[in-house]
PDBML (XML) file of the C-alpha atoms, coordinates in Angstrom:
<?xml version="1.0" encoding="UTF-8" ?>
<PDBx:datablock datablockName="MODEL"
   xmlns:PDBx="http://pdbml.pdb.org/schema/pdbx-v50.xsd"
   xmlns:xsi="http://www.w3.org/2001/XMLSchema-instance"
   xsi:schemaLocation="http://pdbml.pdb.org/schema/pdbx-v50.xsd pdbx-v50.xsd">
   <PDBx:atom_siteCategory>
      <PDBx:atom_site id="1">
         <PDBx:B_iso_or_equiv>0.00</PDBx:B_iso_or_equiv>
         <PDBx:Cartn_x>0.163</PDBx:Cartn_x>
         <PDBx:Cartn_y>-0.017</PDBx:Cartn_y>
         <PDBx:Cartn_z>-0.025</PDBx:Cartn_z>
         <PDBx:auth_asym_id>A</PDBx:auth_asym_id>
         <PDBx:auth_atom_id>CA</PDBx:auth_atom_id>
         <PDBx:auth_comp_id>UNK</PDBx:auth_comp_id>
         <PDBx:auth_seq_id>1</PDBx:auth_seq_id>
         <PDBx:group_PDB>ATOM</PDBx:group_PDB>
         <PDBx:label_alt_id xsi:nil="true" />
         <PDBx:label_asym_id>A</PDBx:label_asym_id>
         <PDBx:label_atom_id>CA</PDBx:label_atom_id>
         <PDBx:label_comp_id>UNK</PDBx:label_comp_id>
         <PDBx:label_entity_id>1</PDBx:label_entity_id>
         <PDBx:label_seq_id>1</PDBx:label_seq_id>
         <PDBx:occupancy>1.00</PDBx:occupancy>
         <PDBx:pdbx_PDB_model_num>1</PDBx:pdbx_PDB_model_num>
         <PDBx:type_symbol>C</PDBx:type_symbol>
      </PDBx:atom_site>
      <PDBx:atom_site id="2">
         <PDBx:B_iso_or_equiv>0.00</PDBx:B_iso_or_equiv>
         <PDBx:Cartn_x>1.291</PDBx:Cartn_x>
         <PDBx:Cartn_y>3.424</PDBx:Cartn_y>
         <PDBx:Cartn_z>-0.940</PDBx:Cartn_z>
         <PDBx:auth_asym_id>A</PDBx:auth_asym_id>
         <PDBx:auth_atom_id>CA</PDBx:auth_atom_id>
         <PDBx:auth_comp_id>UNK</PDBx:auth_comp_id>
         <PDBx:auth_seq_id>2</PDBx:auth_seq_id>
         <PDBx:group_PDB>ATOM</PDBx:group_PDB>
         <PDBx:label_alt_id xsi:nil="true" />
         <PDBx:label_asym_id>A</PDBx:label_asym_id>
         <PDBx:label_atom_id>CA</PDBx:label_atom_id>
         <PDBx:label_comp_id>UNK</PDBx:label_comp_id>
         <PDBx:label_entity_id>1</PDBx:label_entity_id>
         <PDBx:label_seq_id>2</PDBx:label_seq_id>
         <PDBx:occupancy>1.00</PDBx:occupancy>
         <PDBx:pdbx_PDB_model_num>1</PDBx:pdbx_PDB_model_num>
         <PDBx:type_symbol>C</PDBx:type_symbol>
      </PDBx:atom_site>
      <PDBx:atom_site id="3">
         <PDBx:B_iso_or_equiv>0.00</PDBx:B_iso_or_equiv>
         <PDBx:Cartn_x>-0.366</PDBx:Cartn_x>
         <PDBx:Cartn_y>6.632</PDBx:Cartn_y>
         <PDBx:Cartn_z>0.289</PDBx:Cartn_z>
         <PDBx:auth_asym_id>A</PDBx:auth_asym_id>
         <PDBx:auth_atom_id>CA</PDBx:auth_atom_id>
         <PDBx:auth_comp_id>UNK</PDBx:auth_comp_id>
         <PDBx:auth_seq_id>3</PDBx:auth_seq_id>
         <PDBx:group_PDB>ATOM</PDBx:group_PDB>
         <PDBx:label_alt_id xsi:nil="true" />
         <PDBx:label_asym_id>A</PDBx:label_asym_id>
         <PDBx:label_atom_id>CA</PDBx:label_atom_id>
         <PDBx:label_comp_id>UNK</PDBx:label_comp_id>
         <PDBx:label_entity_id>1</PDBx:label_entity_id>
         <PDBx:label_seq_id>3</PDBx:label_seq_id>
         <PDBx:occupancy>1.00</PDBx:occupancy>
         <PDBx:pdbx_PDB_model_num>1</PDBx:pdbx_PDB_model_num>
         <PDBx:type_symbol>C</PDBx:type_symbol>
      </PDBx:atom_site>
      <PDBx:atom_site id="4">
         <PDBx:B_iso_or_equiv>0.00</PDBx:B_iso_or_equiv>
         <PDBx:Cartn_x>0.409</PDBx:Cartn_x>
         <PDBx:Cartn_y>10.133</PDBx:Cartn_y>
         <PDBx:Cartn_z>-1.434</PDBx:Cartn_z>
         <PDBx:auth_asym_id>A</PDBx:auth_asym_id>
         <PDBx:auth_atom_id>CA</PDBx:auth_atom_id>
         <PDBx:auth_comp_id>UNK</PDBx:auth_comp_id>
         <PDBx:auth_seq_id>4</PDBx:auth_seq_id>
         <PDBx:group_PDB>ATOM</PDBx:group_PDB>
         <PDBx:label_alt_id xsi:nil="true" />
         <PDBx:label_asym_id>A</PDBx:label_asym_id>
         <PDBx:label_atom_id>CA</PDBx:label_atom_id>
         <PDBx:label_comp_id>UNK</PDBx:label_comp_id>
         <PDBx:label_entity_id>1</PDBx:label_entity_id>
         <PDBx:label_seq_id>4</PDBx:label_seq_id>
         <PDBx:occupancy>1.00</PDBx:occupancy>
         <PDBx:pdbx_PDB_model_num>1</PDBx:pdbx_PDB_model_num>
         <PDBx:type_symbol>C</PDBx:type_symbol>
      </PDBx:atom_site>
      <PDBx:atom_site id="5">
         <PDBx:B_iso_or_equiv>0.00</PDBx:B_iso_or_equiv>
         <PDBx:Cartn_x>-0.251</PDBx:Cartn_x>
         <PDBx:Cartn_y>12.321</PDBx:Cartn_y>
         <PDBx:Cartn_z>1.570</PDBx:Cartn_z>
         <PDBx:auth_asym_id>A</PDBx:auth_asym_id>
         <PDBx:auth_atom_id>CA</PDBx:auth_atom_id>
         <PDBx:auth_comp_id>UNK</PDBx:auth_comp_id>
         <PDBx:auth_seq_id>5</PDBx:auth_seq_id>
         <PDBx:group_PDB>ATOM</PDBx:group_PDB>
         <PDBx:label_alt_id xsi:nil="true" />
         <PDBx:label_asym_id>A</PDBx:label_asym_id>
         <PDBx:label_atom_id>CA</PDBx:label_atom_id>
         <PDBx:label_comp_id>UNK</PDBx:label_comp_id>
         <PDBx:label_entity_id>1</PDBx:label_entity_id>
         <PDBx:label_seq_id>5</PDBx:label_seq_id>
         <PDBx:occupancy>1.00</PDBx:occupancy>
         <PDBx:pdbx_PDB_model_num>1</PDBx:pdbx_PDB_model_num>
         <PDBx:type_symbol>C</PDBx:type_symbol>
      </PDBx:atom_site>
      <PDBx:atom_site id="6">
         <PDBx:B_iso_or_equiv>0.00</PDBx:B_iso_or_equiv>
         <PDBx:Cartn_x>-0.847</PDBx:Cartn_x>
         <PDBx:Cartn_y>15.961</PDBx:Cartn_y>
         <PDBx:Cartn_z>2.250</PDBx:Cartn_z>
         <PDBx:auth_asym_id>A</PDBx:auth_asym_id>
         <PDBx:auth_atom_id>CA</PDBx:auth_atom_id>
         <PDBx:auth_comp_id>UNK</PDBx:auth_comp_id>
         <PDBx:auth_seq_id>6</PDBx:auth_seq_id>
         <PDBx:group_PDB>ATOM</PDBx:group_PDB>
         <PDBx:label_alt_id xsi:nil="true" />
         <PDBx:label_asym_id>A</PDBx:label_asym_id>
         <PDBx:label_atom_id>CA</PDBx:label_atom_id>
         <PDBx:label_comp_id>UNK</PDBx:label_comp_id>
         <PDBx:label_entity_id>1</PDBx:label_entity_id>
         <PDBx:label_seq_id>6</PDBx:label_seq_id>
         <PDBx:occupancy>1.00</PDBx:occupancy>
         <PDBx:pdbx_PDB_model_num>1</PDBx:pdbx_PDB_model_num>
         <PDBx:type_symbol>C</PDBx:type_symbol>
      </PDBx:atom_site>
      <PDBx:atom_site id="7">
         <PDBx:B_iso_or_equiv>0.00</PDBx:B_iso_or_equiv>
         <PDBx:Cartn_x>-1.365</PDBx:Cartn_x>
         <PDBx:Cartn_y>18.068</PDBx:Cartn_y>
         <PDBx:Cartn_z>5.148</PDBx:Cartn_z>
         <PDBx:auth_asym_id>A</PDBx:auth_asym_id>
         <PDBx:auth_atom_id>CA</PDBx:auth_atom_id>
         <PDBx:auth_comp_id>UNK</PDBx:auth_comp_id>
         <PDBx:auth_seq_id>7</PDBx:auth_seq_id>
         <PDBx:group_PDB>ATOM</PDBx:group_PDB>
         <PDBx:label_alt_id xsi:nil="true" />
         <PDBx:label_asym_id>A</PDBx:label_asym_id>
         <PDBx:label_atom_id>CA</PDBx:label_atom_id>
         <PDBx:label_comp_id>UNK</PDBx:label_comp_id>
         <PDBx:label_entity_id>1</PDBx:label_entity_id>
         <PDBx:label_seq_id>7</PDBx:label_seq_id>
         <PDBx:occupancy>1.00</PDBx:occupancy>
         <PDBx:pdbx_PDB_model_num>1</PDBx:pdbx_PDB_model_num>
         <PDBx:type_symbol>C</PDBx:type_symbol>
      </PDBx:atom_site>
      <PDBx:atom_site id="8">
         <PDBx:B_iso_or_equiv>0.00</PDBx:B_iso_or_equiv>
         <PDBx:Cartn_x>-2.763</PDBx:Cartn_x>
         <PDBx:Cartn_y>21.633</PDBx:Cartn_y>
         <PDBx:Cartn_z>4.941</PDBx:Cartn_z>
         <PDBx:auth_asym_id>A</PDBx:auth_asym_id>
         <PDBx:auth_atom_id>CA</PDBx:auth_atom_id>
         <PDBx:auth_comp_id>UNK</PDBx:auth_comp_id>
         <PDBx:auth_seq_id>8</PDBx:auth_seq_id>
         <PDBx:group_PDB>ATOM</PDBx:group_PDB>
         <PDBx:label_alt_id xsi:nil="true" />
         <PDBx:label_asym_id>A</PDBx:label_asym_id>
         <PDBx:label_atom_id>CA</PDBx:label_atom_id>
         <PDBx:label_comp_id>UNK</PDBx:label_comp_id>
         <PDBx:label_entity_id>1</PDBx:label_entity_id>
         <PDBx:label_seq_id>8</PDBx:label_seq_id>
         <PDBx:occupancy>1.00</PDBx:occupancy>
         <PDBx:pdbx_PDB_model_num>1</PDBx:pdbx_PDB_model_num>
         <PDBx:type_symbol>C</PDBx:type_symbol>
      </PDBx:atom_site>
      <PDBx:atom_site id="9">
         <PDBx:B_iso_or_equiv>0.00</PDBx:B_iso_or_equiv>
         <PDBx:Cartn_x>-2.067</PDBx:Cartn_x>
         <PDBx:Cartn_y>21.581</PDBx:Cartn_y>
         <PDBx:Cartn_z>1.312</PDBx:Cartn_z>
         <PDBx:auth_asym_id>A</PDBx:auth_asym_id>
         <PDBx:auth_atom_id>CA</PDBx:auth_atom_id>
         <PDBx:auth_comp_id>UNK</PDBx:auth_comp_id>
         <PDBx:auth_seq_id>9</PDBx:auth_seq_id>
         <PDBx:group_PDB>ATOM</PDBx:group_PDB>
         <PDBx:label_alt_id xsi:nil="true" />
         <PDBx:label_asym_id>A</PDBx:label_asym_id>
         <PDBx:label_atom_id>CA</PDBx:label_atom_id>
         <PDBx:label_comp_id>UNK</PDBx:label_comp_id>
         <PDBx:label_entity_id>1</PDBx:label_entity_id>
         <PDBx:label_seq_id>9</PDBx:label_seq_id>
         <PDBx:occupancy>1.00</PDBx:occupancy>
         <PDBx:pdbx_PDB_model_num>1</PDBx:pdbx_PDB_model_num>
         <PDBx:type_symbol>C</PDBx:type_symbol>
      </PDBx:atom_site>
      <PDBx:atom_site id="10">
         <PDBx:B_iso_or_equiv>0.00</PDBx:B_iso_or_equiv>
         <PDBx:Cartn_x>1.435</PDBx:Cartn_x>
         <PDBx:Cartn_y>20.531</PDBx:Cartn_y>
         <PDBx:Cartn_z>1.625</PDBx:Cartn_z>
         <PDBx:auth_asym_id>A</PDBx:auth_asym_id>
         <PDBx:auth_atom_id>CA</PDBx:auth_atom_id>
         <PDBx:auth_comp_id>UNK</PDBx:auth_comp_id>
         <PDBx:auth_seq_id>10</PDBx:auth_seq_id>
         <PDBx:group_PDB>ATOM</PDBx:group_PDB>
         <PDBx:label_alt_id xsi:nil="true" />
         <PDBx:label_asym_id>A</PDBx:label_asym_id>
         <PDBx:label_atom_id>CA</PDBx:label_atom_id>
         <PDBx:label_comp_id>UNK</PDBx:label_comp_id>
         <PDBx:label_entity_id>1</PDBx:label_entity_id>
         <PDBx:label_seq_id>10</PDBx:label_seq_id>
         <PDBx:occupancy>1.00</PDBx:occupancy>
         <PDBx:pdbx_PDB_model_num>1</PDBx:pdbx_PDB_model_num>
         <PDBx:type_symbol>C</PDBx:type_symbol>
      </PDBx:atom_site>
      <PDBx:atom_site id="11">
         <PDBx:B_iso_or_equiv>0.00</PDBx:B_iso_or_equiv>
         <PDBx:Cartn_x>3.085</PDBx:Cartn_x>
         <PDBx:Cartn_y>17.332</PDBx:Cartn_y>
         <PDBx:Cartn_z>0.736</PDBx:Cartn_z>
         <PDBx:auth_asym_id>A</PDBx:auth_asym_id>
         <PDBx:auth_atom_id>CA</PDBx:auth_atom_id>
         <PDBx:auth_comp_id>UNK</PDBx:auth_comp_id>
         <PDBx:auth_seq_id>11</PDBx:auth_seq_id>
         <PDBx:group_PDB>ATOM</PDBx:group_PDB>
         <PDBx:label_alt_id xsi:nil="true" />
         <PDBx:label_asym_id>A</PDBx:label_asym_id>
         <PDBx:label_atom_id>CA</PDBx:label_atom_id>
         <PDBx:label_comp_id>UNK</PDBx:label_comp_id>
         <PDBx:label_entity_id>1</PDBx:label_entity_id>
         <PDBx:label_seq_id>11</PDBx:label_seq_id>
         <PDBx:occupancy>1.00</PDBx:occupancy>
         <PDBx:pdbx_PDB_model_num>1</PDBx:pdbx_PDB_model_num>
         <PDBx:type_symbol>C</PDBx:type_symbol>
      </PDBx:atom_site>
      <PDBx:atom_site id="12">
         <PDBx:B_iso_or_equiv>0.00</PDBx:B_iso_or_equiv>
         <PDBx:Cartn_x>4.128</PDBx:Cartn_x>
         <PDBx:Cartn_y>14.924</PDBx:Cartn_y>
         <PDBx:Cartn_z>3.310</PDBx:Cartn_z>
         <PDBx:auth_asym_id>A</PDBx:auth_asym_id>
         <PDBx:auth_atom_id>CA</PDBx:auth_atom_id>
         <PDBx:auth_comp_id>UNK</PDBx:auth_comp_id>
         <PDBx:auth_seq_id>12</PDBx:auth_seq_id>
         <PDBx:group_PDB>ATOM</PDBx:group_PDB>
         <PDBx:label_alt_id xsi:nil="true" />
         <PDBx:label_asym_id>A</PDBx:label_asym_id>
         <PDBx:label_atom_id>CA</PDBx:label_atom_id>
         <PDBx:label_comp_id>UNK</PDBx:label_comp_id>
         <PDBx:label_entity_id>1</PDBx:label_entity_id>
         <PDBx:label_seq_id>12</PDBx:label_seq_id>
         <PDBx:occupancy>1.00</PDBx:occupancy>
         <PDBx:pdbx_PDB_model_num>1</PDBx:pdbx_PDB_model_num>
         <PDBx:type_symbol>C</PDBx:type_symbol>
      </PDBx:atom_site>
      <PDBx:atom_site id="13">
         <PDBx:B_iso_or_equiv>0.00</PDBx:B_iso_or_equiv>
         <PDBx:Cartn_x>7.144</PDBx:Cartn_x>
         <PDBx:Cartn_y>12.872</PDBx:Cartn_y>
         <PDBx:Cartn_z>2.600</PDBx:Cartn_z>
         <PDBx:auth_asym_id>A</PDBx:auth_asym_id>
         <PDBx:auth_atom_id>CA</PDBx:auth_atom_id>
         <PDBx:auth_comp_id>UNK</PDBx:auth_comp_id>
         <PDBx:auth_seq_id>13</PDBx:auth_seq_id>
         <PDBx:group_PDB>ATOM</PDBx:group_PDB>
         <PDBx:label_alt_id xsi:nil="true" />
         <PDBx:label_asym_id>A</PDBx:label_asym_id>
         <PDBx:label_atom_id>CA</PDBx:label_atom_id>
         <PDBx:label_comp_id>UNK</PDBx:label_comp_id>
         <PDBx:label_entity_id>1</PDBx:label_entity_id>
         <PDBx:label_seq_id>13</PDBx:label_seq_id>
         <PDBx:occupancy>1.00</PDBx:occupancy>
         <PDBx:pdbx_PDB_model_num>1</PDBx:pdbx_PDB_model_num>
         <PDBx:type_symbol>C</PDBx:type_symbol>
      </PDBx:atom_site>
      <PDBx:atom_site id="14">
         <PDBx:B_iso_or_equiv>0.00</PDBx:B_iso_or_equiv>
         <PDBx:Cartn_x>9.217</PDBx:Cartn_x>
         <PDBx:Cartn_y>10.391</PDBx:Cartn_y>
         <PDBx:Cartn_z>4.692</PDBx:Cartn_z>
         <PDBx:auth_asym_id>A</PDBx:auth_asym_id>
         <PDBx:auth_atom_id>CA</PDBx:auth_atom_id>
         <PDBx:auth_comp_id>UNK</PDBx:auth_comp_id>
         <PDBx:auth_seq_id>14</PDBx:auth_seq_id>
         <PDBx:group_PDB>ATOM</PDBx:group_PDB>
         <PDBx:label_alt_id xsi:nil="true" />
         <PDBx:label_asym_id>A</PDBx:label_asym_id>
         <PDBx:label_atom_id>CA</PDBx:label_atom_id>
         <PDBx:label_comp_id>UNK</PDBx:label_comp_id>
         <PDBx:label_entity_id>1</PDBx:label_entity_id>
         <PDBx:label_seq_id>14</PDBx:label_seq_id>
         <PDBx:occupancy>1.00</PDBx:occupancy>
         <PDBx:pdbx_PDB_model_num>1</PDBx:pdbx_PDB_model_num>
         <PDBx:type_symbol>C</PDBx:type_symbol>
      </PDBx:atom_site>
      <PDBx:atom_site id="15">
         <PDBx:B_iso_or_equiv>0.00</PDBx:B_iso_or_equiv>
         <PDBx:Cartn_x>12.869</PDBx:Cartn_x>
         <PDBx:Cartn_y>10.202</PDBx:Cartn_y>
         <PDBx:Cartn_z>5.407</PDBx:Cartn_z>
         <PDBx:auth_asym_id>A</PDBx:auth_asym_id>
         <PDBx:auth_atom_id>CA</PDBx:auth_atom_id>
         <PDBx:auth_comp_id>UNK</PDBx:auth_comp_id>
         <PDBx:auth_seq_id>15</PDBx:auth_seq_id>
         <PDBx:group_PDB>ATOM</PDBx:group_PDB>
         <PDBx:label_alt_id xsi:nil="true" />
         <PDBx:label_asym_id>A</PDBx:label_asym_id>
         <PDBx:label_atom_id>CA</PDBx:label_atom_id>
         <PDBx:label_comp_id>UNK</PDBx:label_comp_id>
         <PDBx:label_entity_id>1</PDBx:label_entity_id>
         <PDBx:label_seq_id>15</PDBx:label_seq_id>
         <PDBx:occupancy>1.00</PDBx:occupancy>
         <PDBx:pdbx_PDB_model_num>1</PDBx:pdbx_PDB_model_num>
         <PDBx:type_symbol>C</PDBx:type_symbol>
      </PDBx:atom_site>
      <PDBx:atom_site id="16">
         <PDBx:B_iso_or_equiv>0.00</PDBx:B_iso_or_equiv>
         <PDBx:Cartn_x>14.021</PDBx:Cartn_x>
         <PDBx:Cartn_y>6.540</PDBx:Cartn_y>
         <PDBx:Cartn_z>6.343</PDBx:Cartn_z>
         <PDBx:auth_asym_id>A</PDBx:auth_asym_id>
         <PDBx:auth_atom_id>CA</PDBx:auth_atom_id>
         <PDBx:auth_comp_id>UNK</PDBx:auth_comp_id>
         <PDBx:auth_seq_id>16</PDBx:auth_seq_id>
         <PDBx:group_PDB>ATOM</PDBx:group_PDB>
         <PDBx:label_alt_id xsi:nil="true" />
         <PDBx:label_asym_id>A</PDBx:label_asym_id>
         <PDBx:label_atom_id>CA</PDBx:label_atom_id>
         <PDBx:label_comp_id>UNK</PDBx:label_comp_id>
         <PDBx:label_entity_id>1</PDBx:label_entity_id>
         <PDBx:label_seq_id>16</PDBx:label_seq_id>
         <PDBx:occupancy>1.00</PDBx:occupancy>
         <PDBx:pdbx_PDB_model_num>1</PDBx:pdbx_PDB_model_num>
         <PDBx:type_symbol>C</PDBx:type_symbol>
      </PDBx:atom_site>
      <PDBx:atom_site id="17">
         <PDBx:B_iso_or_equiv>0.00</PDBx:B_iso_or_equiv>
         <PDBx:Cartn_x>16.601</PDBx:Cartn_x>
         <PDBx:Cartn_y>6.390</PDBx:Cartn_y>
         <PDBx:Cartn_z>9.046</PDBx:Cartn_z>
         <PDBx:auth_asym_id>A</PDBx:auth_asym_id>
         <PDBx:auth_atom_id>CA</PDBx:auth_atom_id>
         <PDBx:auth_comp_id>UNK</PDBx:auth_comp_id>
         <PDBx:auth_seq_id>17</PDBx:auth_seq_id>
         <PDBx:group_PDB>ATOM</PDBx:group_PDB>
         <PDBx:label_alt_id xsi:nil="true" />
         <PDBx:label_asym_id>A</PDBx:label_asym_id>
         <PDBx:label_atom_id>CA</PDBx:label_atom_id>
         <PDBx:label_comp_id>UNK</PDBx:label_comp_id>
         <PDBx:label_entity_id>1</PDBx:label_entity_id>
         <PDBx:label_seq_id>17</PDBx:label_seq_id>
         <PDBx:occupancy>1.00</PDBx:occupancy>
         <PDBx:pdbx_PDB_model_num>1</PDBx:pdbx_PDB_model_num>
         <PDBx:type_symbol>C</PDBx:type_symbol>
      </PDBx:atom_site>
      <PDBx:atom_site id="18">
         <PDBx:B_iso_or_equiv>0.00</PDBx:B_iso_or_equiv>
         <PDBx:Cartn_x>19.102</PDBx:Cartn_x>
         <PDBx:Cartn_y>4.545</PDBx:Cartn_y>
         <PDBx:Cartn_z>6.617</PDBx:Cartn_z>
         <PDBx:auth_asym_id>A</PDBx:auth_asym_id>
         <PDBx:auth_atom_id>CA</PDBx:auth_atom_id>
         <PDBx:auth_comp_id>UNK</PDBx:auth_comp_id>
         <PDBx:auth_seq_id>18</PDBx:auth_seq_id>
         <PDBx:group_PDB>ATOM</PDBx:group_PDB>
         <PDBx:label_alt_id xsi:nil="true" />
         <PDBx:label_asym_id>A</PDBx:label_asym_id>
         <PDBx:label_atom_id>CA</PDBx:label_atom_id>
         <PDBx:label_comp_id>UNK</PDBx:label_comp_id>
         <PDBx:label_entity_id>1</PDBx:label_entity_id>
         <PDBx:label_seq_id>18</PDBx:label_seq_id>
         <PDBx:occupancy>1.00</PDBx:occupancy>
         <PDBx:pdbx_PDB_model_num>1</PDBx:pdbx_PDB_model_num>
         <PDBx:type_symbol>C</PDBx:type_symbol>
      </PDBx:atom_site>
      <PDBx:atom_site id="19">
         <PDBx:B_iso_or_equiv>0.00</PDBx:B_iso_or_equiv>
         <PDBx:Cartn_x>18.843</PDBx:Cartn_x>
         <PDBx:Cartn_y>6.771</PDBx:Cartn_y>
         <PDBx:Cartn_z>3.727</PDBx:Cartn_z>
         <PDBx:auth_asym_id>A</PDBx:auth_asym_id>
         <PDBx:auth_atom_id>CA</PDBx:auth_atom_id>
         <PDBx:auth_comp_id>UNK</PDBx:auth_comp_id>
         <PDBx:auth_seq_id>19</PDBx:auth_seq_id>
         <PDBx:group_PDB>ATOM</PDBx:group_PDB>
         <PDBx:label_alt_id xsi:nil="true" />
         <PDBx:label_asym_id>A</PDBx:label_asym_id>
         <PDBx:label_atom_id>CA</PDBx:label_atom_id>
         <PDBx:label_comp_id>UNK</PDBx:label_comp_id>
         <PDBx:label_entity_id>1</PDBx:label_entity_id>
         <PDBx:label_seq_id>19</PDBx:label_seq_id>
         <PDBx:occupancy>1.00</PDBx:occupancy>
         <PDBx:pdbx_PDB_model_num>1</PDBx:pdbx_PDB_model_num>
         <PDBx:type_symbol>C</PDBx:type_symbol>
      </PDBx:atom_site>
      <PDBx:atom_site id="20">
         <PDBx:B_iso_or_equiv>0.00</PDBx:B_iso_or_equiv>
         <PDBx:Cartn_x>19.278</PDBx:Cartn_x>
         <PDBx:Cartn_y>10.494</PDBx:Cartn_y>
         <PDBx:Cartn_z>2.441</PDBx:Cartn_z>
         <PDBx:auth_asym_id>A</PDBx:auth_asym_id>
         <PDBx:auth_atom_id>CA</PDBx:auth_atom_id>
         <PDBx:auth_comp_id>UNK</PDBx:auth_comp_id>
         <PDBx:auth_seq_id>20</PDBx:auth_seq_id>
         <PDBx:group_PDB>ATOM</PDBx:group_PDB>
         <PDBx:label_alt_id xsi:nil="true" />
         <PDBx:label_asym_id>A</PDBx:label_asym_id>
         <PDBx:label_atom_id>CA</PDBx:label_atom_id>
         <PDBx:label_comp_id>UNK</PDBx:label_comp_id>
         <PDBx:label_entity_id>1</PDBx:label_entity_id>
         <PDBx:label_seq_id>20</PDBx:label_seq_id>
         <PDBx:occupancy>1.00</PDBx:occupancy>
         <PDBx:pdbx_PDB_model_num>1</PDBx:pdbx_PDB_model_num>
         <PDBx:type_symbol>C</PDBx:type_symbol>
      </PDBx:atom_site>
      <PDBx:atom_site id="21">
         <PDBx:B_iso_or_equiv>0.00</PDBx:B_iso_or_equiv>
         <PDBx:Cartn_x>16.323</PDBx:Cartn_x>
         <PDBx:Cartn_y>10.283</PDBx:Cartn_y>
         <PDBx:Cartn_z>0.308</PDBx:Cartn_z>
         <PDBx:auth_asym_id>A</PDBx:auth_asym_id>
         <PDBx:auth_atom_id>CA</PDBx:auth_atom_id>
         <PDBx:auth_comp_id>UNK</PDBx:auth_comp_id>
         <PDBx:auth_seq_id>21</PDBx:auth_seq_id>
         <PDBx:group_PDB>ATOM</PDBx:group_PDB>
         <PDBx:label_alt_id xsi:nil="true" />
         <PDBx:label_asym_id>A</PDBx:label_asym_id>
         <PDBx:label_atom_id>CA</PDBx:label_atom_id>
         <PDBx:label_comp_id>UNK</PDBx:label_comp_id>
         <PDBx:label_entity_id>1</PDBx:label_entity_id>
         <PDBx:label_seq_id>21</PDBx:label_seq_id>
         <PDBx:occupancy>1.00</PDBx:occupancy>
         <PDBx:pdbx_PDB_model_num>1</PDBx:pdbx_PDB_model_num>
         <PDBx:type_symbol>C</PDBx:type_symbol>
      </PDBx:atom_site>
      <PDBx:atom_site id="22">
         <PDBx:B_iso_or_equiv>0.00</PDBx:B_iso_or_equiv>
         <PDBx:Cartn_x>12.452</PDBx:Cartn_x>
         <PDBx:Cartn_y>10.829</PDBx:Cartn_y>
         <PDBx:Cartn_z>0.589</PDBx:Cartn_z>
         <PDBx:auth_asym_id>A</PDBx:auth_asym_id>
         <PDBx:auth_atom_id>CA</PDBx:auth_atom_id>
         <PDBx:auth_comp_id>UNK</PDBx:auth_comp_id>
         <PDBx:auth_seq_id>22</PDBx:auth_seq_id>
         <PDBx:group_PDB>ATOM</PDBx:group_PDB>
         <PDBx:label_alt_id xsi:nil="true" />
         <PDBx:label_asym_id>A</PDBx:label_asym_id>
         <PDBx:label_atom_id>CA</PDBx:label_atom_id>
         <PDBx:label_comp_id>UNK</PDBx:label_comp_id>
         <PDBx:label_entity_id>1</PDBx:label_entity_id>
         <PDBx:label_seq_id>22</PDBx:label_seq_id>
         <PDBx:occupancy>1.00</PDBx:occupancy>
         <PDBx:pdbx_PDB_model_num>1</PDBx:pdbx_PDB_model_num>
         <PDBx:type_symbol>C</PDBx:type_symbol>
      </PDBx:atom_site>
      <PDBx:atom_site id="23">
         <PDBx:B_iso_or_equiv>0.00</PDBx:B_iso_or_equiv>
         <PDBx:Cartn_x>9.438</PDBx:Cartn_x>
         <PDBx:Cartn_y>8.637</PDBx:Cartn_y>
         <PDBx:Cartn_z>-0.216</PDBx:Cartn_z>
         <PDBx:auth_asym_id>A</PDBx:auth_asym_id>
         <PDBx:auth_atom_id>CA</PDBx:auth_atom_id>
         <PDBx:auth_comp_id>UNK</PDBx:auth_comp_id>
         <PDBx:auth_seq_id>23</PDBx:auth_seq_id>
         <PDBx:group_PDB>ATOM</PDBx:group_PDB>
         <PDBx:label_alt_id xsi:nil="true" />
         <PDBx:label_asym_id>A</PDBx:label_asym_id>
         <PDBx:label_atom_id>CA</PDBx:label_atom_id>
         <PDBx:label_comp_id>UNK</PDBx:label_comp_id>
         <PDBx:label_entity_id>1</PDBx:label_entity_id>
         <PDBx:label_seq_id>23</PDBx:label_seq_id>
         <PDBx:occupancy>1.00</PDBx:occupancy>
         <PDBx:pdbx_PDB_model_num>1</PDBx:pdbx_PDB_model_num>
         <PDBx:type_symbol>C</PDBx:type_symbol>
      </PDBx:atom_site>
      <PDBx:atom_site id="24">
         <PDBx:B_iso_or_equiv>0.00</PDBx:B_iso_or_equiv>
         <PDBx:Cartn_x>5.722</PDBx:Cartn_x>
         <PDBx:Cartn_y>8.623</PDBx:Cartn_y>
         <PDBx:Cartn_z>0.224</PDBx:Cartn_z>
         <PDBx:auth_asym_id>A</PDBx:auth_asym_id>
         <PDBx:auth_atom_id>CA</PDBx:auth_atom_id>
         <PDBx:auth_comp_id>UNK</PDBx:auth_comp_id>
         <PDBx:auth_seq_id>24</PDBx:auth_seq_id>
         <PDBx:group_PDB>ATOM</PDBx:group_PDB>
         <PDBx:label_alt_id xsi:nil="true" />
         <PDBx:label_asym_id>A</PDBx:label_asym_id>
         <PDBx:label_atom_id>CA</PDBx:label_atom_id>
         <PDBx:label_comp_id>UNK</PDBx:label_comp_id>
         <PDBx:label_entity_id>1</PDBx:label_entity_id>
         <PDBx:label_seq_id>24</PDBx:label_seq_id>
         <PDBx:occupancy>1.00</PDBx:occupancy>
         <PDBx:pdbx_PDB_model_num>1</PDBx:pdbx_PDB_model_num>
         <PDBx:type_symbol>C</PDBx:type_symbol>
      </PDBx:atom_site>
   </PDBx:atom_siteCategory>
</PDBx:datablock>
């Protein structure tokens, strides 16, 4: 399951502890 997410009209992305990249 992948969840494209917003809050107050802004994107919400996750930063994994072991990576320097972002994901939904």
